[in-house]
Amino acid sequence: MAVPADGLTLYRLVRSDPPTLRDFLPPSPELAAQRHWPELLRAGLSHFLRPEQAERVRRQRVSRIARVDLERGQGIYVARTGRTPGHVTVWAPPAVLLEAARVVG
């Protein structure tokens, strides 16, 4: 069940420091179809509740961990998804997430 993400701080793996809009774009419909992801999950973005949880799934050394501070009242929703501890899916406009993101690791 998705709930408002008002005031929540999350962590996301990004490719660059500082993050770019590309770091917050959802996967393509083609990739989602290839991986059999439902459209609802494709439209959301993976984040983690704690930075060490993001660190555990980092596959590329060039990836960075961005802290994403979500303000109240922006219409952002989050839901616990997947089997990875601390993994959540966030539904928000990419530009809003980019504005809220700062690389921390």
Protein backbone atom coordinates (compact mmCIF):
# COMPACT_ATOMS: atom_id res chain seq x y z
CA MET A 1 0.00 0.00 0.00
CA ALA A 2 1.41 3.39 -0.98
CA VAL A 3 1.41 6.14 1.64
CA PRO A 4 2.40 9.82 1.51
CA ALA A 5 6.16 10.25 1.86
CA ASP A 6 5.78 13.51 3.77
CA GLY A 7 9.02 14.39 5.56
CA LEU A 8 10.72 11.07 4.81
CA THR A 9 14.45 10.82 4.09
CA LEU A 10 15.42 8.07 1.66
CA TYR A 11 18.56 6.98 -0.17
CA ARG A 12 19.03 6.19 -3.86
CA LEU A 13 21.93 4.96 -5.96
CA VAL A 14 22.85 7.56 -8.59
CA ARG A 15 25.44 7.70 -11.36
CA SER A 16 26.92 11.13 -10.81
CA ASP A 17 27.85 13.78 -8.27
CA PRO A 18 25.93 15.98 -8.35
CA PRO A 19 22.97 13.85 -9.46
CA THR A 20 21.30 14.62 -12.78
CA LEU A 21 17.72 14.26 -13.98
CA ARG A 22 18.76 11.00 -15.65
CA ASP A 23 19.34 9.52 -12.17
CA PHE A 24 15.63 9.95 -11.42
CA LEU A 25 13.98 8.81 -14.63
CA PRO A 26 12.00 5.55 -14.52
CA PRO A 27 13.17 2.59 -16.59
CA SER A 28 11.99 2.36 -20.18
CA PRO A 29 8.82 0.43 -21.04
CA GLU A 30 11.01 -1.94 -23.09
CA LEU A 31 13.24 -2.80 -20.12
CA ALA A 32 10.18 -3.27 -17.90
CA ALA A 33 8.62 -5.63 -20.43
CA GLN A 34 11.87 -7.59 -20.72
CA ARG A 35 12.01 -7.98 -16.93
CA HIS A 36 8.26 -8.57 -16.58
CA TRP A 37 7.73 -5.58 -14.30
CA PRO A 38 4.15 -4.33 -13.95
CA GLU A 39 3.61 -0.75 -15.14
CA LEU A 40 2.88 0.46 -11.62
CA LEU A 41 6.35 -0.56 -10.44
CA ARG A 42 8.04 0.66 -13.63
CA ALA A 43 6.68 4.16 -13.02
CA GLY A 44 8.23 4.25 -9.54
CA LEU A 45 11.87 4.51 -8.48
CA SER A 46 13.84 2.32 -6.10
CA HIS A 47 15.05 3.92 -2.89
CA PHE A 48 16.18 2.63 0.48
CA LEU A 49 15.36 3.58 4.05
CA ARG A 50 19.02 3.70 5.16
CA PRO A 51 22.27 4.41 3.30
CA GLU A 52 23.85 1.09 4.27
CA GLN A 53 20.95 -0.74 2.59
CA ALA A 54 21.69 1.09 -0.67
CA GLU A 55 25.38 0.30 -0.22
CA ARG A 56 24.64 -3.44 0.00
CA VAL A 57 23.05 -3.50 -3.45
CA ARG A 58 25.55 -1.20 -5.16
CA ARG A 59 26.99 -3.11 -8.12
CA GLN A 60 29.18 -0.46 -9.71
CA ARG A 61 31.98 1.33 -7.88
CA VAL A 62 31.17 4.51 -9.78
CA SER A 63 27.68 4.64 -8.27
CA ARG A 64 27.04 7.15 -5.50
CA ILE A 65 24.48 7.21 -2.72
CA ALA A 66 22.20 10.22 -2.69
CA ARG A 67 20.20 11.33 0.32
CA VAL A 68 16.71 12.39 -0.78
CA ASP A 69 14.80 14.58 1.70
CA LEU A 70 11.12 14.61 0.78
CA GLU A 71 9.13 17.63 1.88
CA ARG A 72 5.55 17.51 3.06
CA GLY A 73 2.69 18.25 0.71
CA GLN A 74 4.37 17.44 -2.61
CA GLY A 75 2.11 14.53 -3.53
CA ILE A 76 4.93 11.98 -3.30
CA TYR A 77 4.01 8.42 -2.40
CA VAL A 78 6.11 5.51 -1.17
CA ALA A 79 5.47 1.79 -0.67
CA ARG A 80 7.51 -1.09 0.69
CA THR A 81 8.27 -3.29 -2.33
CA GLY A 82 10.51 -6.18 -3.21
CA ARG A 83 12.36 -8.59 -0.97
CA THR A 84 15.47 -6.52 -0.30
CA PRO A 85 15.55 -5.18 3.28
CA GLY A 86 14.69 -1.48 3.40
CA HIS A 87 13.72 -1.27 -0.27
CA VAL A 88 10.85 1.05 -1.15
CA THR A 89 9.38 2.36 -4.39
CA VAL A 90 8.77 6.09 -4.71
CA TRP A 91 6.32 7.74 -7.09
CA ALA A 92 7.23 11.38 -7.73
CA PRO A 93 8.14 13.71 -10.57
CA PRO A 94 11.84 13.20 -11.43
CA ALA A 95 12.59 16.94 -11.13
CA VAL A 96 11.22 17.01 -7.56
CA LEU A 97 13.43 14.08 -6.56
CA LEU A 98 16.47 15.67 -8.20
CA GLU A 99 15.90 18.92 -6.30
CA ALA A 100 15.73 16.98 -3.01
CA ALA A 101 18.87 14.88 -3.63
CA ARG A 102 22.43 15.34 -2.31
CA VAL A 103 25.25 12.80 -2.69
CA VAL A 104 26.41 11.48 0.69
CA GLY A 105 28.53 8.50 -0.25
